């Protein structure tokens, strides 16, 4: 039983030494920091790709669908077609 406790203590001490060596090694800290930066940049790239796809779709609709173009002009520029009555609510 004592032998098992001694082995466990030795393994525990080795584990702590390795952990401390990794934690206090500046190269490892930099590596971990760069890993998190890389993940953040990957998420940013994915978000920008999604936004790019939405904008490409919007450009396609503006170039090819007259009703979409009319709807965008009406909503963004507040244009009223001739003969329409504009109602404003305060």
PDB file of N, CA and C in Angstrom:
ATOM      1  N   UNK A   1       0.823  -1.193   0.000  1.00  0.00           N
ATOM      2  CA  UNK A   1       0.000   0.000   0.000  1.00  0.00           C
ATOM      3  C   UNK A   1       0.866   1.256   0.000  1.00  0.00           C
ATOM      4  N   UNK A   2       1.936   1.218   0.793  1.00  0.00           N
ATOM      5  CA  UNK A   2       2.863   2.349   0.845  1.00  0.00           C
ATOM      6  C   UNK A   2       3.515   2.567  -0.510  1.00  0.00           C
ATOM      7  N   UNK A   3       3.764   1.458  -1.181  1.00  0.00           N
ATOM      8  CA  UNK A   3       4.416   1.544  -2.489  1.00  0.00           C
ATOM      9  C   UNK A   3       3.517   2.276  -3.499  1.00  0.00           C
ATOM     10  N   UNK A   4       2.209   1.973  -3.446  1.00  0.00           N
ATOM     11  CA  UNK A   4       1.261   2.645  -4.334  1.00  0.00           C
ATOM     12  C   UNK A   4       1.168   4.137  -4.026  1.00  0.00           C
ATOM     13  N   UNK A   5       1.165   4.490  -2.760  1.00  0.00           N
ATOM     14  CA  UNK A   5       1.111   5.901  -2.377  1.00  0.00           C
ATOM     15  C   UNK A   5       2.364   6.630  -2.849  1.00  0.00           C
ATOM     16  N   UNK A   6       3.503   5.961  -2.740  1.00  0.00           N
ATOM     17  CA  UNK A   6       4.753   6.572  -3.170  1.00  0.00           C
ATOM     18  C   UNK A   6       4.754   6.788  -4.681  1.00  0.00           C
ATOM     19  N   UNK A   7       4.257   5.803  -5.440  1.00  0.00           N
ATOM     20  CA  UNK A   7       4.154   5.941  -6.904  1.00  0.00           C
ATOM     21  C   UNK A   7       3.213   7.089  -7.270  1.00  0.00           C
ATOM     22  N   UNK A   8       2.093   7.155  -6.571  1.00  0.00           N
ATOM     23  CA  UNK A   8       1.128   8.227  -6.839  1.00  0.00           C
ATOM     24  C   UNK A   8       1.755   9.588  -6.565  1.00  0.00           C
ATOM     25  N   UNK A   9       2.494   9.714  -5.455  1.00  0.00           N
ATOM     26  CA  UNK A   9       3.153  10.980  -5.128  1.00  0.00           C
ATOM     27  C   UNK A   9       4.181  11.351  -6.187  1.00  0.00           C
ATOM     28  N   UNK A  10       4.936  10.357  -6.647  1.00  0.00           N
ATOM     29  CA  UNK A  10       5.954  10.625  -7.673  1.00  0.00           C
ATOM     30  C   UNK A  10       5.288  11.070  -8.973  1.00  0.00           C
ATOM     31  N   UNK A  11       4.235  10.388  -9.375  1.00  0.00           N
ATOM     32  CA  UNK A  11       3.508  10.783 -10.596  1.00  0.00           C
ATOM     33  C   UNK A  11       2.883  12.160 -10.442  1.00  0.00           C
ATOM     34  N   UNK A  12       2.370  12.456  -9.270  1.00  0.00           N
ATOM     35  CA  UNK A  12       1.767  13.762  -9.007  1.00  0.00           C
ATOM     36  C   UNK A  12       2.828  14.856  -9.084  1.00  0.00           C
ATOM     37  N   UNK A  13       3.981  14.610  -8.530  1.00  0.00           N
ATOM     38  CA  UNK A  13       5.066  15.598  -8.572  1.00  0.00           C
ATOM     39  C   UNK A  13       5.551  15.796 -10.003  1.00  0.00           C
ATOM     40  N   UNK A  14       5.702  14.718 -10.752  1.00  0.00           N
ATOM     41  CA  UNK A  14       6.117  14.836 -12.157  1.00  0.00           C
ATOM     42  C   UNK A  14       5.081  15.627 -12.946  1.00  0.00           C
ATOM     43  N   UNK A  15       3.820  15.335 -12.718  1.00  0.00           N
ATOM     44  CA  UNK A  15       2.749  16.069 -13.401  1.00  0.00           C
ATOM     45  C   UNK A  15       2.816  17.561 -13.079  1.00  0.00           C
ATOM     46  N   UNK A  16       3.019  17.905 -11.812  1.00  0.00           N
ATOM     47  CA  UNK A  16       3.113  19.309 -11.417  1.00  0.00           C
ATOM     48  C   UNK A  16       4.318  19.989 -12.042  1.00  0.00           C
ATOM     49  N   UNK A  17       5.448  19.302 -12.074  1.00  0.00           N
ATOM     50  CA  UNK A  17       6.658  19.882 -12.672  1.00  0.00           C
ATOM     51  C   UNK A  17       6.432  20.152 -14.153  1.00  0.00           C
ATOM     52  N   UNK A  18       5.850  19.190 -14.856  1.00  0.00           N
ATOM     53  CA  UNK A  18       5.578  19.378 -16.286  1.00  0.00           C
ATOM     54  C   UNK A  18       4.576  20.512 -16.489  1.00  0.00           C
ATOM     55  N   UNK A  19       3.545  20.548 -15.680  1.00  0.00           N
ATOM     56  CA  UNK A  19       2.537  21.604 -15.791  1.00  0.00           C
ATOM     57  C   UNK A  19       3.143  22.973 -15.542  1.00  0.00           C
ATOM     58  N   UNK A  20       3.958  23.089 -14.512  1.00  0.00           N
ATOM     59  CA  UNK A  20       4.609  24.366 -14.214  1.00  0.00           C
ATOM     60  C   UNK A  20       5.583  24.763 -15.315  1.00  0.00           C
ATOM     61  N   UNK A  21       6.300  23.785 -15.866  1.00  0.00           N
ATOM     62  CA  UNK A  21       7.228  24.084 -16.958  1.00  0.00           C
ATOM     63  C   UNK A  21       6.475  24.613 -18.170  1.00  0.00           C
ATOM     64  N   UNK A  22       5.324  24.033 -18.445  1.00  0.00           N
ATOM     65  CA  UNK A  22       4.522  24.501 -19.575  1.00  0.00           C
ATOM     66  C   UNK A  22       3.895  25.857 -19.291  1.00  0.00           C
ATOM     67  N   UNK A  23       3.446  26.064 -18.058  1.00  0.00           N
ATOM     68  CA  UNK A  23       2.757  27.302 -17.714  1.00  0.00           C
ATOM     69  C   UNK A  23       3.701  28.490 -17.683  1.00  0.00           C
ATOM     70  N   UNK A  24       4.925  28.274 -17.221  1.00  0.00           N
ATOM     71  CA  UNK A  24       5.851  29.394 -17.094  1.00  0.00           C
ATOM     72  C   UNK A  24       6.774  29.551 -18.292  1.00  0.00           C
ATOM     73  N   UNK A  25       6.605  28.732 -19.282  1.00  0.00           N
ATOM     74  CA  UNK A  25       7.378  28.855 -20.499  1.00  0.00           C
ATOM     75  C   UNK A  25       6.692  29.881 -21.397  1.00  0.00           C
ATOM     76  N   UNK A  26       7.400  30.953 -21.722  1.00  0.00           N
ATOM     77  CA  UNK A  26       6.789  32.036 -22.494  1.00  0.00           C
ATOM     78  C   UNK A  26       6.373  31.573 -23.882  1.00  0.00           C
ATOM     79  N   UNK A  27       7.122  30.652 -24.461  1.00  0.00           N
ATOM     80  CA  UNK A  27       6.762  30.129 -25.779  1.00  0.00           C
ATOM     81  C   UNK A  27       5.405  29.448 -25.763  1.00  0.00           C
ATOM     82  N   UNK A  28       5.140  28.688 -24.721  1.00  0.00           N
ATOM     83  CA  UNK A  28       3.844  28.009 -24.616  1.00  0.00           C
ATOM     84  C   UNK A  28       2.720  29.001 -24.382  1.00  0.00           C
ATOM     85  N   UNK A  29       2.977  30.010 -23.559  1.00  0.00           N
ATOM     86  CA  UNK A  29       1.944  31.036 -23.333  1.00  0.00           C
ATOM     87  C   UNK A  29       1.627  31.751 -24.636  1.00  0.00           C
ATOM     88  N   UNK A  30       2.676  32.065 -25.408  1.00  0.00           N
ATOM     89  CA  UNK A  30       2.470  32.729 -26.698  1.00  0.00           C
ATOM     90  C   UNK A  30       1.691  31.823 -27.640  1.00  0.00           C
ATOM     91  N   UNK A  31       2.015  30.541 -27.619  1.00  0.00           N
ATOM     92  CA  UNK A  31       1.322  29.581 -28.479  1.00  0.00           C
ATOM     93  C   UNK A  31      -0.165  29.520 -28.146  1.00  0.00           C
ATOM     94  N   UNK A  32      -0.494  29.489 -26.868  1.00  0.00           N
ATOM     95  CA  UNK A  32      -1.899  29.455 -26.455  1.00  0.00           C
ATOM     96  C   UNK A  32      -2.601  30.747 -26.845  1.00  0.00           C
ATOM     97  N   UNK A  33      -1.921  31.879 -26.642  1.00  0.00           N
ATOM     98  CA  UNK A  33      -2.508  33.168 -27.008  1.00  0.00           C
ATOM     99  C   UNK A  33      -2.777  33.231 -28.509  1.00  0.00           C
ATOM    100  N   UNK A  34      -1.824  32.766 -29.297  1.00  0.00           N
ATOM    101  CA  UNK A  34      -2.002  32.763 -30.756  1.00  0.00           C
ATOM    102  C   UNK A  34      -3.131  31.818 -31.181  1.00  0.00           C
ATOM    103  N   UNK A  35      -3.294  30.716 -30.464  1.00  0.00           N
ATOM    104  CA  UNK A  35      -4.375  29.783 -30.761  1.00  0.00           C
ATOM    105  C   UNK A  35      -5.731  30.466 -30.611  1.00  0.00           C
ATOM    106  N   UNK A  36      -5.907  31.206 -29.510  1.00  0.00           N
ATOM    107  CA  UNK A  36      -7.179  31.901 -29.308  1.00  0.00           C
ATOM    108  C   UNK A  36      -7.365  33.029 -30.314  1.00  0.00           C
ATOM    109  N   UNK A  37      -6.294  33.721 -30.668  1.00  0.00           N
ATOM    110  CA  UNK A  37      -6.386  34.763 -31.698  1.00  0.00           C
ATOM    111  C   UNK A  37      -6.789  34.158 -33.035  1.00  0.00           C
ATOM    112  N   UNK A  38      -6.211  33.002 -33.361  1.00  0.00           N
ATOM    113  CA  UNK A  38      -6.536  32.340 -34.616  1.00  0.00           C
ATOM    114  C   UNK A  38      -8.013  31.946 -34.662  1.00  0.00           C
ATOM    115  N   UNK A  39      -8.527  31.407 -33.566  1.00  0.00           N
ATOM    116  CA  UNK A  39      -9.943  31.042 -33.531  1.00  0.00           C
ATOM    117  C   UNK A  39     -10.831  32.255 -33.702  1.00  0.00           C
ATOM    118  N   UNK A  40     -10.465  33.375 -33.078  1.00  0.00           N
ATOM    119  CA  UNK A  40     -11.253  34.600 -33.221  1.00  0.00           C
ATOM    120  C   UNK A  40     -11.227  35.074 -34.666  1.00  0.00           C
ATOM    121  N   UNK A  41     -10.051  35.045 -35.296  1.00  0.00           N
ATOM    122  CA  UNK A  41      -9.941  35.473 -36.687  1.00  0.00           C
ATOM    123  C   UNK A  41     -10.725  34.556 -37.624  1.00  0.00           C
ATOM    124  N   UNK A  42     -10.738  33.252 -37.336  1.00  0.00           N
ATOM    125  CA  UNK A  42     -11.530  32.327 -38.158  1.00  0.00           C
ATOM    126  C   UNK A  42     -13.014  32.667 -38.065  1.00  0.00           C
ATOM    127  N   UNK A  43     -13.486  33.000 -36.864  1.00  0.00           N
ATOM    128  CA  UNK A  43     -14.890  33.380 -36.690  1.00  0.00           C
ATOM    129  C   UNK A  43     -15.181  34.684 -37.422  1.00  0.00           C
ATOM    130  N   UNK A  44     -14.244  35.637 -37.347  1.00  0.00           N
ATOM    131  CA  UNK A  44     -14.421  36.906 -38.060  1.00  0.00           C
ATOM    132  C   UNK A  44     -14.488  36.680 -39.567  1.00  0.00           C
ATOM    133  N   UNK A  45     -13.615  35.823 -40.082  1.00  0.00           N
ATOM    134  CA  UNK A  45     -13.625  35.515 -41.518  1.00  0.00           C
ATOM    135  C   UNK A  45     -14.949  34.881 -41.918  1.00  0.00           C
ATOM    136  N   UNK A  46     -15.447  33.957 -41.114  1.00  0.00           N
ATOM    137  CA  UNK A  46     -16.727  33.311 -41.421  1.00  0.00           C
ATOM    138  C   UNK A  46     -17.865  34.323 -41.429  1.00  0.00           C
ATOM    139  N   UNK A  47     -17.862  35.248 -40.450  1.00  0.00           N
ATOM    140  CA  UNK A  47     -18.898  36.282 -40.414  1.00  0.00           C
ATOM    141  C   UNK A  47     -18.824  37.181 -41.646  1.00  0.00           C
ATOM    142  N   UNK A  48     -17.605  37.542 -42.044  1.00  0.00           N
ATOM    143  CA  UNK A  48     -17.450  38.398 -43.225  1.00  0.00           C
ATOM    144  C   UNK A  48     -17.871  37.665 -44.497  1.00  0.00           C
ATOM    145  N   UNK A  49     -17.599  36.375 -44.575  1.00  0.00           N
ATOM    146  CA  UNK A  49     -18.042  35.599 -45.745  1.00  0.00           C
ATOM    147  C   UNK A  49     -19.564  35.544 -45.816  1.00  0.00           C
ATOM    148  N   UNK A  50     -20.205  35.360 -44.667  1.00  0.00           N
ATOM    149  CA  UNK A  50     -21.671  35.339 -44.651  1.00  0.00           C
ATOM    150  C   UNK A  50     -22.234  36.691 -45.085  1.00  0.00           C
ATOM    151  N   UNK A  51     -21.642  37.766 -44.574  1.00  0.00           N
ATOM    152  CA  UNK A  51     -22.102  39.097 -44.970  1.00  0.00           C
ATOM    153  C   UNK A  51     -21.857  39.328 -46.458  1.00  0.00           C
ATOM    154  N   UNK A  52     -20.728  38.858 -46.964  1.00  0.00           N
ATOM    155  CA  UNK A  52     -20.418  38.990 -48.378  1.00  0.00           C
ATOM    156  C   UNK A  52     -21.445  38.249 -49.233  1.00  0.00           C
ATOM    157  N   UNK A  53     -21.843  37.050 -48.801  1.00  0.00           N
ATOM    158  CA  UNK A  53     -22.866  36.295 -49.534  1.00  0.00           C
ATOM    159  C   UNK A  53     -24.195  37.054 -49.552  1.00  0.00           C
ATOM    160  N   UNK A  54     -24.567  37.647 -48.414  1.00  0.00           N
ATOM    161  CA  UNK A  54     -25.811  38.422 -48.373  1.00  0.00           C
ATOM    162  C   UNK A  54     -25.744  39.623 -49.314  1.00  0.00           C
ATOM    163  N   UNK A  55     -24.606  40.293 -49.330  1.00  0.00           N
ATOM    164  CA  UNK A  55     -24.472  41.458 -50.213  1.00  0.00           C
ATOM    165  C   UNK A  55     -24.458  41.048 -51.689  1.00  0.00           C
ATOM    166  N   UNK A  56     -23.836  39.913 -51.999  1.00  0.00           N
ATOM    167  CA  UNK A  56     -23.865  39.426 -53.388  1.00  0.00           C
ATOM    168  C   UNK A  56     -25.296  39.128 -53.815  1.00  0.00           C
ATOM    169  N   UNK A  57     -26.070  38.525 -52.919  1.00  0.00           N
ATOM    170  CA  UNK A  57     -27.469  38.239 -53.217  1.00  0.00           C
ATOM    171  C   UNK A  57     -28.249  39.538 -53.424  1.00  0.00           C
ATOM    172  N   UNK A  58     -27.982  40.518 -52.603  1.00  0.00           N
ATOM    173  CA  UNK A  58     -28.671  41.808 -52.732  1.00  0.00           C
ATOM    174  C   UNK A  58     -28.315  42.488 -54.057  1.00  0.00           C
ATOM    175  N   UNK A  59     -27.050  42.425 -54.455  1.00  0.00           N
ATOM    176  CA  UNK A  59     -26.629  43.001 -55.738  1.00  0.00           C
ATOM    177  C   UNK A  59     -27.319  42.284 -56.889  1.00  0.00           C
ATOM    178  N   UNK A  60     -27.372  40.949 -56.807  1.00  0.00           N
ATOM    179  CA  UNK A  60     -28.049  40.192 -57.856  1.00  0.00           C
ATOM    180  C   UNK A  60     -29.508  40.609 -57.974  1.00  0.00           C
ATOM    181  N   UNK A  61     -30.178  40.721 -56.828  1.00  0.00           N
ATOM    182  CA  UNK A  61     -31.595  41.114 -56.856  1.00  0.00           C
ATOM    183  C   UNK A  61     -31.769  42.530 -57.399  1.00  0.00           C
ATOM    184  N   UNK A  62     -30.877  43.430 -57.020  1.00  0.00           N
ATOM    185  CA  UNK A  62     -30.980  44.806 -57.519  1.00  0.00           C
ATOM    186  C   UNK A  62     -30.778  44.867 -59.031  1.00  0.00           C
ATOM    187  N   UNK A  63     -29.894  44.027 -59.559  1.00  0.00           N
ATOM    188  CA  UNK A  63     -29.627  44.043 -60.998  1.00  0.00           C
ATOM    189  C   UNK A  63     -30.693  43.321 -61.812  1.00  0.00           C
ATOM    190  N   UNK A  64     -31.356  42.332 -61.237  1.00  0.00           N
ATOM    191  CA  UNK A  64     -32.223  41.462 -62.036  1.00  0.00           C
ATOM    192  C   UNK A  64     -33.703  41.515 -61.688  1.00  0.00           C
ATOM    193  N   UNK A  65     -34.062  42.047 -60.544  1.00  0.00           N
ATOM    194  CA  UNK A  65     -35.469  42.061 -60.147  1.00  0.00           C
ATOM    195  C   UNK A  65     -35.932  43.506 -59.949  1.00  0.00           C
ATOM    196  N   UNK A  66     -36.790  43.929 -60.845  1.00  0.00           N
ATOM    197  CA  UNK A  66     -37.275  45.303 -60.803  1.00  0.00           C
ATOM    198  C   UNK A  66     -38.088  45.574 -59.536  1.00  0.00           C
ATOM    199  N   UNK A  67     -38.861  44.598 -59.105  1.00  0.00           N
ATOM    200  CA  UNK A  67     -39.682  44.804 -57.911  1.00  0.00           C
ATOM    201  C   UNK A  67     -38.804  44.988 -56.672  1.00  0.00           C
ATOM    202  N   UNK A  68     -37.688  44.279 -56.605  1.00  0.00           N
ATOM    203  CA  UNK A  68     -36.776  44.442 -55.464  1.00  0.00           C
ATOM    204  C   UNK A  68     -36.155  45.829 -55.478  1.00  0.00           C
ATOM    205  N   UNK A  69     -35.753  46.273 -56.664  1.00  0.00           N
ATOM    206  CA  UNK A  69     -35.182  47.618 -56.795  1.00  0.00           C
ATOM    207  C   UNK A  69     -36.198  48.672 -56.372  1.00  0.00           C
ATOM    208  N   UNK A  70     -37.438  48.512 -56.824  1.00  0.00           N
ATOM    209  CA  UNK A  70     -38.488  49.469 -56.448  1.00  0.00           C
ATOM    210  C   UNK A  70     -38.725  49.473 -54.944  1.00  0.00           C
ATOM    211  N   UNK A  71     -38.768  48.298 -54.361  1.00  0.00           N
ATOM    212  CA  UNK A  71     -38.972  48.188 -52.919  1.00  0.00           C
ATOM    213  C   UNK A  71     -37.835  48.858 -52.145  1.00  0.00           C
ATOM    214  N   UNK A  72     -36.598  48.679 -52.600  1.00  0.00           N
ATOM    215  CA  UNK A  72     -35.448  49.289 -51.927  1.00  0.00           C
ATOM    216  C   UNK A  72     -35.492  50.816 -52.044  1.00  0.00           C
ATOM    217  N   UNK A  73     -35.844  51.312 -53.219  1.00  0.00           N
ATOM    218  CA  UNK A  73     -35.934  52.765 -53.417  1.00  0.00           C
ATOM    219  C   UNK A  73     -37.009  53.344 -52.520  1.00  0.00           C
ATOM    220  N   UNK A  74     -38.146  52.670 -52.455  1.00  0.00           N
ATOM    221  CA  UNK A  74     -39.231  53.166 -51.611  1.00  0.00           C
ATOM    222  C   UNK A  74     -38.854  53.156 -50.126  1.00  0.00           C
ATOM    223  N   UNK A  75     -38.200  52.111 -49.680  1.00  0.00           N
ATOM    224  CA  UNK A  75     -37.902  52.013 -48.246  1.00  0.00           C
ATOM    225  C   UNK A  75     -36.725  52.891 -47.837  1.00  0.00           C
ATOM    226  N   UNK A  76     -35.671  52.943 -48.642  1.00  0.00           N
ATOM    227  CA  UNK A  76     -34.484  53.690 -48.239  1.00  0.00           C
ATOM    228  C   UNK A  76     -34.551  55.170 -48.587  1.00  0.00           C
ATOM    229  N   UNK A  77     -35.158  55.486 -49.705  1.00  0.00           N
ATOM    230  CA  UNK A  77     -35.208  56.892 -50.137  1.00  0.00           C
ATOM    231  C   UNK A  77     -36.554  57.547 -49.875  1.00  0.00           C
ATOM    232  N   UNK A  78     -37.516  56.788 -49.378  1.00  0.00           N
ATOM    233  CA  UNK A  78     -38.864  57.297 -49.056  1.00  0.00           C
ATOM    234  C   UNK A  78     -39.533  57.920 -50.282  1.00  0.00           C
ATOM    235  N   UNK A  79     -39.406  57.241 -51.429  1.00  0.00           N
ATOM    236  CA  UNK A  79     -39.987  57.728 -52.678  1.00  0.00           C
ATOM    237  C   UNK A  79     -41.430  57.237 -52.780  1.00  0.00           C
ATOM    238  N   UNK A  80     -42.301  58.105 -53.275  1.00  0.00           N
ATOM    239  CA  UNK A  80     -43.708  57.759 -53.476  1.00  0.00           C
ATOM    240  C   UNK A  80     -43.975  57.782 -54.977  1.00  0.00           C
ATOM    241  N   UNK A  81     -44.640  56.737 -55.477  1.00  0.00           N
ATOM    242  CA  UNK A  81     -44.948  56.664 -56.903  1.00  0.00           C
ATOM    243  C   UNK A  81     -46.030  57.687 -57.256  1.00  0.00           C
ATOM    244  N   UNK A  82     -46.059  58.142 -58.508  1.00  0.00           N
ATOM    245  CA  UNK A  82     -47.102  59.091 -58.923  1.00  0.00           C
ATOM    246  C   UNK A  82     -48.488  58.474 -58.741  1.00  0.00           C
ATOM    247  N   UNK A  83     -49.383  59.244 -58.179  1.00  0.00           N
ATOM    248  CA  UNK A  83     -50.757  58.802 -57.966  1.00  0.00           C
ATOM    249  C   UNK A  83     -50.967  58.109 -56.632  1.00  0.00           C
ATOM    250  N   UNK A  84     -49.933  57.852 -55.901  1.00  0.00           N
ATOM    251  CA  UNK A  84     -50.083  57.230 -54.578  1.00  0.00           C
ATOM    252  C   UNK A  84     -50.283  58.289 -53.520  1.00  0.00           C
ATOM    253  N   UNK A  85     -50.994  57.910 -52.491  1.00  0.00           N
ATOM    254  CA  UNK A  85     -51.210  58.815 -51.357  1.00  0.00           C
ATOM    255  C   UNK A  85     -50.288  58.379 -50.232  1.00  0.00           C
ATOM    256  N   UNK A  86     -49.552  59.329 -49.715  1.00  0.00           N
ATOM    257  CA  UNK A  86     -48.625  59.028 -48.622  1.00  0.00           C
ATOM    258  C   UNK A  86     -49.275  59.388 -47.298  1.00  0.00           C
ATOM    259  N   UNK A  87     -49.290  58.437 -46.409  1.00  0.00           N
ATOM    260  CA  UNK A  87     -49.824  58.671 -45.076  1.00  0.00           C
ATOM    261  C   UNK A  87     -48.664  58.756 -44.095  1.00  0.00           C
ATOM    262  N   UNK A  88     -48.677  59.763 -43.244  1.00  0.00           N
ATOM    263  CA  UNK A  88     -47.634  59.897 -42.234  1.00  0.00           C
ATOM    264  C   UNK A  88     -48.285  59.906 -40.863  1.00  0.00           C
ATOM    265  N   UNK A  89     -47.706  59.131 -39.984  1.00  0.00           N
ATOM    266  CA  UNK A  89     -48.217  59.058 -38.613  1.00  0.00           C
ATOM    267  C   UNK A  89     -47.184  59.624 -37.678  1.00  0.00           C
ATOM    268  N   UNK A  90     -47.665  60.400 -36.735  1.00  0.00           N
ATOM    269  CA  UNK A  90     -46.696  60.976 -35.779  1.00  0.00           C
ATOM    270  C   UNK A  90     -46.711  60.223 -34.483  1.00  0.00           C
TER     271      UNK A  90
END
